[in-house]
PDB file of N, CA and C in Angstrom:
ATOM      1  N   MET A   1    -115.678 -54.827 -18.587  1.00  0.00           N
ATOM      2  CA  MET A   1    -116.608 -53.730 -18.485  1.00  0.00           C
ATOM      3  C   MET A   1    -117.704 -53.953 -19.529  1.00  0.00           C
ATOM      4  N   SER A   2    -118.920 -53.617 -19.220  1.00  0.00           N
ATOM      5  CA  SER A   2    -120.039 -53.822 -20.146  1.00  0.00           C
ATOM      6  C   SER A   2    -119.997 -52.800 -21.288  1.00  0.00           C
ATOM      7  N   GLU A   3    -120.731 -53.102 -22.334  1.00  0.00           N
ATOM      8  CA  GLU A   3    -120.799 -52.185 -23.469  1.00  0.00           C
ATOM      9  C   GLU A   3    -121.350 -50.832 -23.030  1.00  0.00           C
ATOM     10  N   HIS A   4    -122.379 -50.856 -22.202  1.00  0.00           N
ATOM     11  CA  HIS A   4    -122.982 -49.613 -21.705  1.00  0.00           C
ATOM     12  C   HIS A   4    -121.962 -48.804 -20.898  1.00  0.00           C
ATOM     13  N   ALA A   5    -121.217 -49.483 -20.039  1.00  0.00           N
ATOM     14  CA  ALA A   5    -120.201 -48.801 -19.229  1.00  0.00           C
ATOM     15  C   ALA A   5    -119.111 -48.205 -20.124  1.00  0.00           C
ATOM     16  N   TRP A   6    -118.722 -48.938 -21.175  1.00  0.00           N
ATOM     17  CA  TRP A   6    -117.727 -48.402 -22.094  1.00  0.00           C
ATOM     18  C   TRP A   6    -118.254 -47.161 -22.812  1.00  0.00           C
ATOM     19  N   ARG A   7    -119.535 -47.180 -23.214  1.00  0.00           N
ATOM     20  CA  ARG A   7    -120.108 -45.997 -23.877  1.00  0.00           C
ATOM     21  C   ARG A   7    -120.016 -44.777 -22.968  1.00  0.00           C
ATOM     22  N   ASP A   8    -120.358 -44.963 -21.686  1.00  0.00           N
ATOM     23  CA  ASP A   8    -120.279 -43.851 -20.732  1.00  0.00           C
ATOM     24  C   ASP A   8    -118.843 -43.371 -20.578  1.00  0.00           C
ATOM     25  N   GLU A   9    -117.908 -44.324 -20.467  1.00  0.00           N
ATOM     26  CA  GLU A   9    -116.494 -43.974 -20.308  1.00  0.00           C
ATOM     27  C   GLU A   9    -115.978 -43.217 -21.530  1.00  0.00           C
ATOM     28  N   ILE A  10    -116.329 -43.672 -22.708  1.00  0.00           N
ATOM     29  CA  ILE A  10    -115.881 -43.016 -23.940  1.00  0.00           C
ATOM     30  C   ILE A  10    -116.497 -41.629 -24.052  1.00  0.00           C
ATOM     31  N   ALA A  11    -117.774 -41.497 -23.696  1.00  0.00           N
ATOM     32  CA  ALA A  11    -118.432 -40.189 -23.749  1.00  0.00           C
ATOM     33  C   ALA A  11    -117.740 -39.192 -22.826  1.00  0.00           C
ATOM     34  N   THR A  12    -117.273 -39.664 -21.690  1.00  0.00           N
ATOM     35  CA  THR A  12    -116.573 -38.801 -20.741  1.00  0.00           C
ATOM     36  C   THR A  12    -115.192 -38.412 -21.261  1.00  0.00           C
ATOM     37  N   ARG A  13    -114.470 -39.391 -21.786  1.00  0.00           N
ATOM     38  CA  ARG A  13    -113.084 -39.144 -22.221  1.00  0.00           C
ATOM     39  C   ARG A  13    -112.977 -38.504 -23.598  1.00  0.00           C
ATOM     40  N   ALA A  14    -113.960 -38.754 -24.462  1.00  0.00           N
ATOM     41  CA  ALA A  14    -113.914 -38.222 -25.833  1.00  0.00           C
ATOM     42  C   ALA A  14    -115.282 -37.672 -26.216  1.00  0.00           C
ATOM     43  N   PRO A  15    -115.691 -36.566 -25.604  1.00  0.00           N
ATOM     44  CA  PRO A  15    -117.042 -36.050 -25.847  1.00  0.00           C
ATOM     45  C   PRO A  15    -117.305 -35.643 -27.296  1.00  0.00           C
ATOM     46  N   ALA A  16    -116.261 -35.360 -28.058  1.00  0.00           N
ATOM     47  CA  ALA A  16    -116.457 -34.960 -29.452  1.00  0.00           C
ATOM     48  C   ALA A  16    -116.715 -36.145 -30.381  1.00  0.00           C
ATOM     49  N   LEU A  17    -116.488 -37.354 -29.886  1.00  0.00           N
ATOM     50  CA  LEU A  17    -116.692 -38.545 -30.705  1.00  0.00           C
ATOM     51  C   LEU A  17    -118.186 -38.754 -30.932  1.00  0.00           C
ATOM     52  N   GLY A  18    -118.579 -38.976 -32.156  1.00  0.00           N
ATOM     53  CA  GLY A  18    -119.985 -39.156 -32.506  1.00  0.00           C
ATOM     54  C   GLY A  18    -120.570 -40.446 -31.940  1.00  0.00           C
ATOM     55  N   GLU A  19    -121.886 -40.556 -31.998  1.00  0.00           N
ATOM     56  CA  GLU A  19    -122.580 -41.712 -31.418  1.00  0.00           C
ATOM     57  C   GLU A  19    -122.204 -43.017 -32.105  1.00  0.00           C
ATOM     58  N   LYS A  20    -122.152 -43.038 -33.442  1.00  0.00           N
ATOM     59  CA  LYS A  20    -121.833 -44.278 -34.149  1.00  0.00           C
ATOM     60  C   LYS A  20    -120.415 -44.767 -33.834  1.00  0.00           C
ATOM     61  N   PRO A  21    -119.391 -43.896 -33.919  1.00  0.00           N
ATOM     62  CA  PRO A  21    -118.048 -44.369 -33.543  1.00  0.00           C
ATOM     63  C   PRO A  21    -117.972 -44.774 -32.070  1.00  0.00           C
ATOM     64  N   ARG A  22    -118.682 -44.053 -31.202  1.00  0.00           N
ATOM     65  CA  ARG A  22    -118.684 -44.398 -29.777  1.00  0.00           C
ATOM     66  C   ARG A  22    -119.294 -45.780 -29.564  1.00  0.00           C
ATOM     67  N   ALA A  23    -120.415 -46.051 -30.240  1.00  0.00           N
ATOM     68  CA  ALA A  23    -121.082 -47.351 -30.107  1.00  0.00           C
ATOM     69  C   ALA A  23    -120.212 -48.475 -30.664  1.00  0.00           C
ATOM     70  N   THR A  24    -119.549 -48.210 -31.795  1.00  0.00           N
ATOM     71  CA  THR A  24    -118.673 -49.211 -32.399  1.00  0.00           C
ATOM     72  C   THR A  24    -117.506 -49.540 -31.477  1.00  0.00           C
ATOM     73  N   LEU A  25    -116.864 -48.521 -30.949  1.00  0.00           N
ATOM     74  CA  LEU A  25    -115.735 -48.723 -30.054  1.00  0.00           C
ATOM     75  C   LEU A  25    -116.166 -49.414 -28.762  1.00  0.00           C
ATOM     76  N   ALA A  26    -117.303 -49.024 -28.215  1.00  0.00           N
ATOM     77  CA  ALA A  26    -117.787 -49.639 -26.971  1.00  0.00           C
ATOM     78  C   ALA A  26    -118.091 -51.116 -27.168  1.00  0.00           C
ATOM     79  N   ALA A  27    -118.710 -51.480 -28.291  1.00  0.00           N
ATOM     80  CA  ALA A  27    -119.009 -52.888 -28.563  1.00  0.00           C
ATOM     81  C   ALA A  27    -117.716 -53.691 -28.673  1.00  0.00           C
ATOM     82  N   TYR A  28    -116.730 -53.130 -29.344  1.00  0.00           N
ATOM     83  CA  TYR A  28    -115.428 -53.796 -29.501  1.00  0.00           C
ATOM     84  C   TYR A  28    -114.738 -53.959 -28.155  1.00  0.00           C
ATOM     85  N   LEU A  29    -114.648 -52.891 -27.397  1.00  0.00           N
ATOM     86  CA  LEU A  29    -113.948 -52.945 -26.117  1.00  0.00           C
ATOM     87  C   LEU A  29    -114.625 -53.869 -25.108  1.00  0.00           C
ATOM     88  N   SER A  30    -115.946 -53.955 -25.172  1.00  0.00           N
ATOM     89  CA  SER A  30    -116.637 -54.822 -24.210  1.00  0.00           C
ATOM     90  C   SER A  30    -116.297 -56.293 -24.425  1.00  0.00           C
ATOM     91  N   VAL A  31    -115.892 -56.648 -25.631  1.00  0.00           N
ATOM     92  CA  VAL A  31    -115.522 -58.029 -25.923  1.00  0.00           C
ATOM     93  C   VAL A  31    -114.026 -58.272 -25.705  1.00  0.00           C
ATOM     94  N   ILE A  32    -113.185 -57.317 -26.109  1.00  0.00           N
ATOM     95  CA  ILE A  32    -111.741 -57.579 -26.091  1.00  0.00           C
ATOM     96  C   ILE A  32    -110.981 -56.963 -24.923  1.00  0.00           C
ATOM     97  N   ALA A  33    -111.633 -56.146 -24.114  1.00  0.00           N
ATOM     98  CA  ALA A  33    -110.904 -55.412 -23.068  1.00  0.00           C
ATOM     99  C   ALA A  33    -110.007 -56.302 -22.213  1.00  0.00           C
ATOM    100  N   PRO A  34    -110.443 -57.454 -21.754  1.00  0.00           N
ATOM    101  CA  PRO A  34    -109.517 -58.282 -20.974  1.00  0.00           C
ATOM    102  C   PRO A  34    -108.296 -58.714 -21.778  1.00  0.00           C
ATOM    103  N   ARG A  35    -108.483 -58.976 -23.061  1.00  0.00           N
ATOM    104  CA  ARG A  35    -107.357 -59.369 -23.908  1.00  0.00           C
ATOM    105  C   ARG A  35    -106.478 -58.178 -24.245  1.00  0.00           C
ATOM    106  N   ALA A  36    -107.058 -56.972 -24.284  1.00  0.00           N
ATOM    107  CA  ALA A  36    -106.288 -55.792 -24.640  1.00  0.00           C
ATOM    108  C   ALA A  36    -105.215 -55.480 -23.597  1.00  0.00           C
ATOM    109  N   ALA A  37    -105.375 -56.014 -22.405  1.00  0.00           N
ATOM    110  CA  ALA A  37    -104.386 -55.789 -21.357  1.00  0.00           C
ATOM    111  C   ALA A  37    -103.150 -56.663 -21.551  1.00  0.00           C
ATOM    112  N   ASP A  38    -103.158 -57.509 -22.557  1.00  0.00           N
ATOM    113  CA  ASP A  38    -102.023 -58.370 -22.869  1.00  0.00           C
ATOM    114  C   ASP A  38    -100.791 -57.506 -23.139  1.00  0.00           C
ATOM    115  N   PRO A  39     -99.676 -57.778 -22.484  1.00  0.00           N
ATOM    116  CA  PRO A  39     -98.489 -56.939 -22.661  1.00  0.00           C
ATOM    117  C   PRO A  39     -97.872 -56.981 -24.055  1.00  0.00           C
ATOM    118  N   SER A  40     -98.336 -57.881 -24.915  1.00  0.00           N
ATOM    119  CA  SER A  40     -97.780 -57.927 -26.269  1.00  0.00           C
ATOM    120  C   SER A  40     -98.102 -56.653 -27.039  1.00  0.00           C
ATOM    121  N   GLY A  41     -99.133 -55.940 -26.626  1.00  0.00           N
ATOM    122  CA  GLY A  41     -99.467 -54.672 -27.253  1.00  0.00           C
ATOM    123  C   GLY A  41    -100.315 -54.803 -28.503  1.00  0.00           C
ATOM    124  N   GLU A  42    -100.598 -56.006 -28.945  1.00  0.00           N
ATOM    125  CA  GLU A  42    -101.401 -56.179 -30.151  1.00  0.00           C
ATOM    126  C   GLU A  42    -102.852 -56.397 -29.787  1.00  0.00           C
ATOM    127  N   LEU A  43    -103.737 -55.642 -30.429  1.00  0.00           N
ATOM    128  CA  LEU A  43    -105.166 -55.826 -30.226  1.00  0.00           C
ATOM    129  C   LEU A  43    -105.673 -56.885 -31.203  1.00  0.00           C
ATOM    130  N   PRO A  44    -106.661 -57.640 -30.813  1.00  0.00           N
ATOM    131  CA  PRO A  44    -107.241 -58.608 -31.755  1.00  0.00           C
ATOM    132  C   PRO A  44    -107.972 -57.864 -32.871  1.00  0.00           C
ATOM    133  N   PRO A  45    -108.261 -58.547 -33.971  1.00  0.00           N
ATOM    134  CA  PRO A  45    -108.950 -57.870 -35.076  1.00  0.00           C
ATOM    135  C   PRO A  45    -110.324 -57.369 -34.649  1.00  0.00           C
ATOM    136  N   ASP A  46    -110.744 -56.265 -35.253  1.00  0.00           N
ATOM    137  CA  ASP A  46    -112.095 -55.773 -34.993  1.00  0.00           C
ATOM    138  C   ASP A  46    -113.014 -56.260 -36.113  1.00  0.00           C
ATOM    139  N   GLY A  47    -114.272 -55.855 -36.072  1.00  0.00           N
ATOM    140  CA  GLY A  47    -115.239 -56.315 -37.065  1.00  0.00           C
ATOM    141  C   GLY A  47    -114.872 -55.952 -38.485  1.00  0.00           C
ATOM    142  N   ARG A  48    -114.314 -54.773 -38.671  1.00  0.00           N
ATOM    143  CA  ARG A  48    -113.898 -54.359 -40.005  1.00  0.00           C
ATOM    144  C   ARG A  48    -112.790 -55.269 -40.523  1.00  0.00           C
ATOM    145  N   ASP A  49    -111.797 -55.512 -39.696  1.00  0.00           N
ATOM    146  CA  ASP A  49    -110.701 -56.407 -40.088  1.00  0.00           C
ATOM    147  C   ASP A  49    -111.227 -57.790 -40.446  1.00  0.00           C
ATOM    148  N   LEU A  50    -112.145 -58.299 -39.638  1.00  0.00           N
ATOM    149  CA  LEU A  50    -112.699 -59.632 -39.877  1.00  0.00           C
ATOM    150  C   LEU A  50    -113.456 -59.684 -41.199  1.00  0.00           C
ATOM    151  N   ALA A  51    -114.213 -58.639 -41.505  1.00  0.00           N
ATOM    152  CA  ALA A  51    -114.955 -58.602 -42.773  1.00  0.00           C
ATOM    153  C   ALA A  51    -113.987 -58.577 -43.953  1.00  0.00           C
ATOM    154  N   LEU A  52    -112.983 -57.729 -43.878  1.00  0.00           N
ATOM    155  CA  LEU A  52    -112.025 -57.629 -44.987  1.00  0.00           C
ATOM    156  C   LEU A  52    -111.245 -58.917 -45.174  1.00  0.00           C
ATOM    157  N   THR A  53    -110.919 -59.581 -44.090  1.00  0.00           N
ATOM    158  CA  THR A  53    -110.129 -60.807 -44.158  1.00  0.00           C
ATOM    159  C   THR A  53    -110.941 -62.010 -44.621  1.00  0.00           C
ATOM    160  N   ASN A  54    -112.183 -62.109 -44.178  1.00  0.00           N
ATOM    161  CA  ASN A  54    -112.950 -63.337 -44.390  1.00  0.00           C
ATOM    162  C   ASN A  54    -114.059 -63.271 -45.430  1.00  0.00           C
ATOM    163  N   CYS A  55    -114.485 -62.093 -45.823  1.00  0.00           N
ATOM    164  CA  CYS A  55    -115.647 -62.005 -46.707  1.00  0.00           C
ATOM    165  C   CYS A  55    -115.304 -61.756 -48.177  1.00  0.00           C
ATOM    166  N   LEU A  56    -114.221 -61.041 -48.405  1.00  0.00           N
ATOM    167  CA  LEU A  56    -113.955 -60.568 -49.762  1.00  0.00           C
ATOM    168  C   LEU A  56    -113.465 -61.625 -50.730  1.00  0.00           C
ATOM    169  N   SER A  57    -113.088 -62.790 -50.235  1.00  0.00           N
ATOM    170  CA  SER A  57    -112.671 -63.829 -51.174  1.00  0.00           C
ATOM    171  C   SER A  57    -113.867 -64.382 -51.952  1.00  0.00           C
ATOM    172  N   CYS A  58    -115.074 -64.215 -51.420  1.00  0.00           N
ATOM    173  CA  CYS A  58    -116.273 -64.707 -52.094  1.00  0.00           C
ATOM    174  C   CYS A  58    -117.269 -63.607 -52.464  1.00  0.00           C
ATOM    175  N   HIS A  59    -117.273 -62.518 -51.705  1.00  0.00           N
ATOM    176  CA  HIS A  59    -118.295 -61.485 -51.880  1.00  0.00           C
ATOM    177  C   HIS A  59    -117.700 -60.174 -52.367  1.00  0.00           C
ATOM    178  N   SER A  60    -118.508 -59.435 -53.113  1.00  0.00           N
ATOM    179  CA  SER A  60    -118.163 -58.070 -53.486  1.00  0.00           C
ATOM    180  C   SER A  60    -118.216 -57.211 -52.228  1.00  0.00           C
ATOM    181  N   LEU A  61    -117.247 -56.362 -52.046  1.00  0.00           N
ATOM    182  CA  LEU A  61    -117.252 -55.463 -50.895  1.00  0.00           C
ATOM    183  C   LEU A  61    -118.492 -54.580 -50.922  1.00  0.00           C
ATOM    184  N   PHE A  62    -118.832 -54.062 -52.078  1.00  0.00           N
ATOM    185  CA  PHE A  62    -119.935 -53.112 -52.189  1.00  0.00           C
ATOM    186  C   PHE A  62    -121.293 -53.766 -51.975  1.00  0.00           C
ATOM    187  N   THR A  63    -121.685 -54.679 -52.862  1.00  0.00           N
ATOM    188  CA  THR A  63    -123.026 -55.262 -52.762  1.00  0.00           C
ATOM    189  C   THR A  63    -123.113 -56.379 -51.733  1.00  0.00           C
ATOM    190  N   GLY A  64    -122.018 -57.075 -51.505  1.00  0.00           N
ATOM    191  CA  GLY A  64    -122.047 -58.206 -50.583  1.00  0.00           C
ATOM    192  C   GLY A  64    -121.865 -57.832 -49.136  1.00  0.00           C
ATOM    193  N   TYR A  65    -121.423 -56.590 -48.868  1.00  0.00           N
ATOM    194  CA  TYR A  65    -121.197 -56.217 -47.478  1.00  0.00           C
ATOM    195  C   TYR A  65    -121.620 -54.782 -47.175  1.00  0.00           C
ATOM    196  N   LEU A  66    -121.050 -53.814 -47.861  1.00  0.00           N
ATOM    197  CA  LEU A  66    -121.278 -52.411 -47.499  1.00  0.00           C
ATOM    198  C   LEU A  66    -122.734 -51.973 -47.600  1.00  0.00           C
ATOM    199  N   MET A  67    -123.514 -52.590 -48.476  1.00  0.00           N
ATOM    200  CA  MET A  67    -124.898 -52.180 -48.672  1.00  0.00           C
ATOM    201  C   MET A  67    -125.911 -53.067 -47.936  1.00  0.00           C
ATOM    202  N   GLN A  68    -125.436 -53.991 -47.139  1.00  0.00           N
ATOM    203  CA  GLN A  68    -126.321 -54.919 -46.433  1.00  0.00           C
ATOM    204  C   GLN A  68    -126.837 -54.297 -45.132  1.00  0.00           C
ATOM    205  N   ARG A  69    -128.155 -54.364 -44.920  1.00  0.00           N
ATOM    206  CA  ARG A  69    -128.776 -53.865 -43.691  1.00  0.00           C
ATOM    207  C   ARG A  69    -129.285 -55.072 -42.893  1.00  0.00           C
ATOM    208  N   ARG A  70    -128.650 -55.303 -41.753  1.00  0.00           N
ATOM    209  CA  ARG A  70    -129.063 -56.387 -40.858  1.00  0.00           C
ATOM    210  C   ARG A  70    -128.820 -55.936 -39.429  1.00  0.00           C
ATOM    211  N   ASP A  71    -129.607 -56.476 -38.523  1.00  0.00           N
ATOM    212  CA  ASP A  71    -129.324 -56.230 -37.115  1.00  0.00           C
ATOM    213  C   ASP A  71    -128.294 -57.250 -36.645  1.00  0.00           C
ATOM    214  N   ARG A  72    -127.942 -57.194 -35.371  1.00  0.00           N
ATOM    215  CA  ARG A  72    -126.903 -58.082 -34.841  1.00  0.00           C
ATOM    216  C   ARG A  72    -127.267 -59.549 -35.082  1.00  0.00           C
ATOM    217  N   ALA A  73    -128.519 -59.905 -34.788  1.00  0.00           N
ATOM    218  CA  ALA A  73    -128.966 -61.288 -34.976  1.00  0.00           C
ATOM    219  C   ALA A  73    -128.886 -61.688 -36.450  1.00  0.00           C
ATOM    220  N   GLY A  74    -129.207 -60.755 -37.336  1.00  0.00           N
ATOM    221  CA  GLY A  74    -129.121 -61.030 -38.770  1.00  0.00           C
ATOM    222  C   GLY A  74    -127.703 -61.303 -39.226  1.00  0.00           C
ATOM    223  N   TRP A  75    -126.750 -60.526 -38.704  1.00  0.00           N
ATOM    224  CA  TRP A  75    -125.351 -60.763 -39.063  1.00  0.00           C
ATOM    225  C   TRP A  75    -124.852 -62.070 -38.457  1.00  0.00           C
ATOM    226  N   LEU A  76    -125.264 -62.372 -37.229  1.00  0.00           N
ATOM    227  CA  LEU A  76    -124.855 -63.653 -36.628  1.00  0.00           C
ATOM    228  C   LEU A  76    -125.425 -64.833 -37.405  1.00  0.00           C
ATOM    229  N   SER A  77    -126.639 -64.668 -37.947  1.00  0.00           N
ATOM    230  CA  SER A  77    -127.275 -65.772 -38.678  1.00  0.00           C
ATOM    231  C   SER A  77    -126.546 -66.099 -39.982  1.00  0.00           C
ATOM    232  N   VAL A  78    -125.746 -65.174 -40.479  1.00  0.00           N
ATOM    233  CA  VAL A  78    -124.954 -65.426 -41.684  1.00  0.00           C
ATOM    234  C   VAL A  78    -124.093 -66.670 -41.496  1.00  0.00           C
ATOM    235  N   PHE A  79    -123.597 -66.864 -40.284  1.00  0.00           N
ATOM    236  CA  PHE A  79    -122.695 -67.986 -40.015  1.00  0.00           C
ATOM    237  C   PHE A  79    -123.417 -69.333 -39.953  1.00  0.00           C
ATOM    238  N   ALA A  80    -124.744 -69.340 -40.078  1.00  0.00           N
ATOM    239  CA  ALA A  80    -125.503 -70.588 -40.057  1.00  0.00           C
ATOM    240  C   ALA A  80    -125.531 -71.274 -41.423  1.00  0.00           C
ATOM    241  N   SER A  81    -125.240 -70.534 -42.493  1.00  0.00           N
ATOM    242  CA  SER A  81    -125.279 -71.149 -43.816  1.00  0.00           C
ATOM    243  C   SER A  81    -124.118 -72.132 -43.962  1.00  0.00           C
ATOM    244  N   PRO A  82    -124.298 -73.170 -44.785  1.00  0.00           N
ATOM    245  CA  PRO A  82    -123.255 -74.186 -44.935  1.00  0.00           C
ATOM    246  C   PRO A  82    -121.893 -73.608 -45.339  1.00  0.00           C
ATOM    247  N   PHE A  83    -121.890 -72.643 -46.245  1.00  0.00           N
ATOM    248  CA  PHE A  83    -120.613 -72.084 -46.704  1.00  0.00           C
ATOM    249  C   PHE A  83    -119.929 -71.275 -45.606  1.00  0.00           C
ATOM    250  N   HIS A  84    -120.728 -70.520 -44.858  1.00  0.00           N
ATOM    251  CA  HIS A  84    -120.152 -69.660 -43.828  1.00  0.00           C
ATOM    252  C   HIS A  84    -119.753 -70.420 -42.568  1.00  0.00           C
ATOM    253  N   LYS A  85    -120.325 -71.596 -42.360  1.00  0.00           N
ATOM    254  CA  LYS A  85    -119.929 -72.401 -41.199  1.00  0.00           C
ATOM    255  C   LYS A  85    -118.461 -72.797 -41.273  1.00  0.00           C
ATOM    256  N   GLU A  86    -117.925 -72.843 -42.483  1.00  0.00           N
ATOM    257  CA  GLU A  86    -116.547 -73.281 -42.688  1.00  0.00           C
ATOM    258  C   GLU A  86    -115.514 -72.179 -42.408  1.00  0.00           C
ATOM    259  N   ILE A  87    -115.970 -70.947 -42.250  1.00  0.00           N
ATOM    260  CA  ILE A  87    -115.037 -69.848 -41.992  1.00  0.00           C
ATOM    261  C   ILE A  87    -114.418 -70.048 -40.613  1.00  0.00           C
ATOM    262  N   GLU A  88    -113.120 -70.000 -40.558  1.00  0.00           N
ATOM    263  CA  GLU A  88    -112.404 -70.263 -39.306  1.00  0.00           C
ATOM    264  C   GLU A  88    -112.296 -68.996 -38.463  1.00  0.00           C
ATOM    265  N   VAL A  89    -113.380 -68.728 -37.730  1.00  0.00           N
ATOM    266  CA  VAL A  89    -113.399 -67.621 -36.773  1.00  0.00           C
ATOM    267  C   VAL A  89    -113.966 -68.156 -35.463  1.00  0.00           C
ATOM    268  N   THR A  90    -113.555 -67.557 -34.385  1.00  0.00           N
ATOM    269  CA  THR A  90    -114.030 -67.973 -33.069  1.00  0.00           C
ATOM    270  C   THR A  90    -115.420 -67.390 -32.813  1.00  0.00           C
ATOM    271  N   PRO A  91    -116.138 -67.933 -31.851  1.00  0.00           N
ATOM    272  CA  PRO A  91    -117.425 -67.329 -31.479  1.00  0.00           C
ATOM    273  C   PRO A  91    -117.279 -65.850 -31.090  1.00  0.00           C
ATOM    274  N   GLU A  92    -116.186 -65.515 -30.411  1.00  0.00           N
ATOM    275  CA  GLU A  92    -115.931 -64.122 -30.039  1.00  0.00           C
ATOM    276  C   GLU A  92    -115.766 -63.253 -31.286  1.00  0.00           C
ATOM    277  N   GLU A  93    -115.043 -63.744 -32.282  1.00  0.00           N
ATOM    278  CA  GLU A  93    -114.856 -62.983 -33.519  1.00  0.00           C
ATOM    279  C   GLU A  93    -116.169 -62.824 -34.270  1.00  0.00           C
ATOM    280  N   ARG A  94    -117.027 -63.824 -34.231  1.00  0.00           N
ATOM    281  CA  ARG A  94    -118.347 -63.707 -34.866  1.00  0.00           C
ATOM    282  C   ARG A  94    -119.148 -62.601 -34.201  1.00  0.00           C
ATOM    283  N   GLU A  95    -119.060 -62.513 -32.877  1.00  0.00           N
ATOM    284  CA  GLU A  95    -119.768 -61.458 -32.153  1.00  0.00           C
ATOM    285  C   GLU A  95    -119.210 -60.084 -32.504  1.00  0.00           C
ATOM    286  N   LEU A  96    -117.900 -59.958 -32.580  1.00  0.00           N
ATOM    287  CA  LEU A  96    -117.284 -58.684 -32.967  1.00  0.00           C
ATOM    288  C   LEU A  96    -117.727 -58.268 -34.369  1.00  0.00           C
ATOM    289  N   PHE A  97    -117.712 -59.216 -35.288  1.00  0.00           N
ATOM    290  CA  PHE A  97    -118.144 -58.947 -36.660  1.00  0.00           C
ATOM    291  C   PHE A  97    -119.603 -58.493 -36.684  1.00  0.00           C
ATOM    292  N   ALA A  98    -120.474 -59.211 -35.982  1.00  0.00           N
ATOM    293  CA  ALA A  98    -121.899 -58.887 -35.971  1.00  0.00           C
ATOM    294  C   ALA A  98    -122.157 -57.521 -35.339  1.00  0.00           C
ATOM    295  N   ASP A  99    -121.492 -57.228 -34.228  1.00  0.00           N
ATOM    296  CA  ASP A  99    -121.667 -55.925 -33.576  1.00  0.00           C
ATOM    297  C   ASP A  99    -121.216 -54.794 -34.492  1.00  0.00           C
ATOM    298  N   TYR A 100    -120.026 -54.935 -35.058  1.00  0.00           N
ATOM    299  CA  TYR A 100    -119.494 -53.903 -35.950  1.00  0.00           C
ATOM    300  C   TYR A 100    -120.422 -53.701 -37.154  1.00  0.00           C
ATOM    301  N   SER A 101    -120.823 -54.791 -37.782  1.00  0.00           N
ATOM    302  CA  SER A 101    -121.626 -54.710 -38.999  1.00  0.00           C
ATOM    303  C   SER A 101    -123.014 -54.139 -38.723  1.00  0.00           C
ATOM    304  N   ALA A 102    -123.629 -54.531 -37.624  1.00  0.00           N
ATOM    305  CA  ALA A 102    -124.959 -54.021 -37.289  1.00  0.00           C
ATOM    306  C   ALA A 102    -124.920 -52.517 -37.020  1.00  0.00           C
ATOM    307  N   LEU A 103    -123.831 -52.048 -36.440  1.00  0.00           N
ATOM    308  CA  LEU A 103    -123.710 -50.621 -36.132  1.00  0.00           C
ATOM    309  C   LEU A 103    -123.305 -49.784 -37.341  1.00  0.00           C
ATOM    310  N   ASN A 104    -122.565 -50.360 -38.278  1.00  0.00           N
ATOM    311  CA  ASN A 104    -121.961 -49.565 -39.346  1.00  0.00           C
ATOM    312  C   ASN A 104    -122.455 -49.837 -40.755  1.00  0.00           C
ATOM    313  N   MET A 105    -123.264 -50.857 -40.951  1.00  0.00           N
ATOM    314  CA  MET A 105    -123.761 -51.158 -42.282  1.00  0.00           C
ATOM    315  C   MET A 105    -125.277 -50.963 -42.302  1.00  0.00           C
ATOM    316  N   PRO A 106    -125.864 -50.580 -43.380  1.00  0.00           N
ATOM    317  CA  PRO A 106    -125.214 -50.275 -44.648  1.00  0.00           C
ATOM    318  C   PRO A 106    -124.569 -48.894 -44.610  1.00  0.00           C
ATOM    319  N   MET A 107    -123.597 -48.723 -45.453  1.00  0.00           N
ATOM    320  CA  MET A 107    -123.004 -47.399 -45.615  1.00  0.00           C
ATOM    321  C   MET A 107    -123.890 -46.588 -46.548  1.00  0.00           C
ATOM    322  N   ARG A 108    -123.802 -45.289 -46.427  1.00  0.00           N
ATOM    323  CA  ARG A 108    -124.504 -44.430 -47.371  1.00  0.00           C
ATOM    324  C   ARG A 108    -123.739 -44.472 -48.690  1.00  0.00           C
ATOM    325  N   LEU A 109    -124.467 -44.530 -49.784  1.00  0.00           N
ATOM    326  CA  LEU A 109    -123.846 -44.636 -51.104  1.00  0.00           C
ATOM    327  C   LEU A 109    -122.796 -43.552 -51.306  1.00  0.00           C
ATOM    328  N   GLN A 110    -123.101 -42.327 -50.911  1.00  0.00           N
ATOM    329  CA  GLN A 110    -122.160 -41.233 -51.127  1.00  0.00           C
ATOM    330  C   GLN A 110    -120.886 -41.366 -50.286  1.00  0.00           C
ATOM    331  N   ASP A 111    -120.891 -42.226 -49.264  1.00  0.00           N
ATOM    332  CA  ASP A 111    -119.698 -42.438 -48.453  1.00  0.00           C
ATOM    333  C   ASP A 111    -118.776 -43.529 -49.006  1.00  0.00           C
ATOM    334  N   VAL A 112    -119.255 -44.255 -50.001  1.00  0.00           N
ATOM    335  CA  VAL A 112    -118.447 -45.314 -50.618  1.00  0.00           C
ATOM    336  C   VAL A 112    -117.702 -44.718 -51.797  1.00  0.00           C
ATOM    337  N   PRO A 113    -116.368 -44.792 -51.802  1.00  0.00           N
ATOM    338  CA  PRO A 113    -115.615 -44.233 -52.944  1.00  0.00           C
ATOM    339  C   PRO A 113    -116.077 -44.861 -54.261  1.00  0.00           C
ATOM    340  N   PRO A 114    -116.176 -44.052 -55.329  1.00  0.00           N
ATOM    341  CA  PRO A 114    -116.670 -44.575 -56.612  1.00  0.00           C
ATOM    342  C   PRO A 114    -115.934 -45.821 -57.094  1.00  0.00           C
ATOM    343  N   GLU A 115    -114.638 -45.925 -56.831  1.00  0.00           N
ATOM    344  CA  GLU A 115    -113.880 -47.075 -57.323  1.00  0.00           C
ATOM    345  C   GLU A 115    -114.272 -48.368 -56.614  1.00  0.00           C
ATOM    346  N   LEU A 116    -114.987 -48.275 -55.482  1.00  0.00           N
ATOM    347  CA  LEU A 116    -115.426 -49.473 -54.773  1.00  0.00           C
ATOM    348  C   LEU A 116    -116.875 -49.852 -55.085  1.00  0.00           C
ATOM    349  N   ARG A 117    -117.538 -49.057 -55.899  1.00  0.00           N
ATOM    350  CA  ARG A 117    -118.936 -49.334 -56.248  1.00  0.00           C
ATOM    351  C   ARG A 117    -119.007 -50.236 -57.472  1.00  0.00           C
ATOM    352  N   PHE A 118    -119.340 -51.491 -57.254  1.00  0.00           N
ATOM    353  CA  PHE A 118    -119.510 -52.433 -58.370  1.00  0.00           C
ATOM    354  C   PHE A 118    -120.467 -53.507 -58.001  1.00  0.00           C
TER     355      PHE A 118
END
């Protein structure tokens, strides 16, 4: 199902869900929906999981990720640098990361817990 179709479906099934969470979920489902039907019951990682798993060994969560403003193409271009080319993620995971990050970053300063601001 396309991202647009997922947004419509989510709006129908969960009308109280805000636009940002709806867009984030629709982008995720449009990429993984065929895999989500796997009877194992495990969903693949989403963009947040990928960022936490792959970015924090080198970057600060706060300044290196949460405060970055980029569009989808900008987040995808991160993987063009020599250091980031070595990260072992699939093209599909790069797309999930870019979609999630473009929709959800930067965070508002007041939404970041003080202990994570450094």
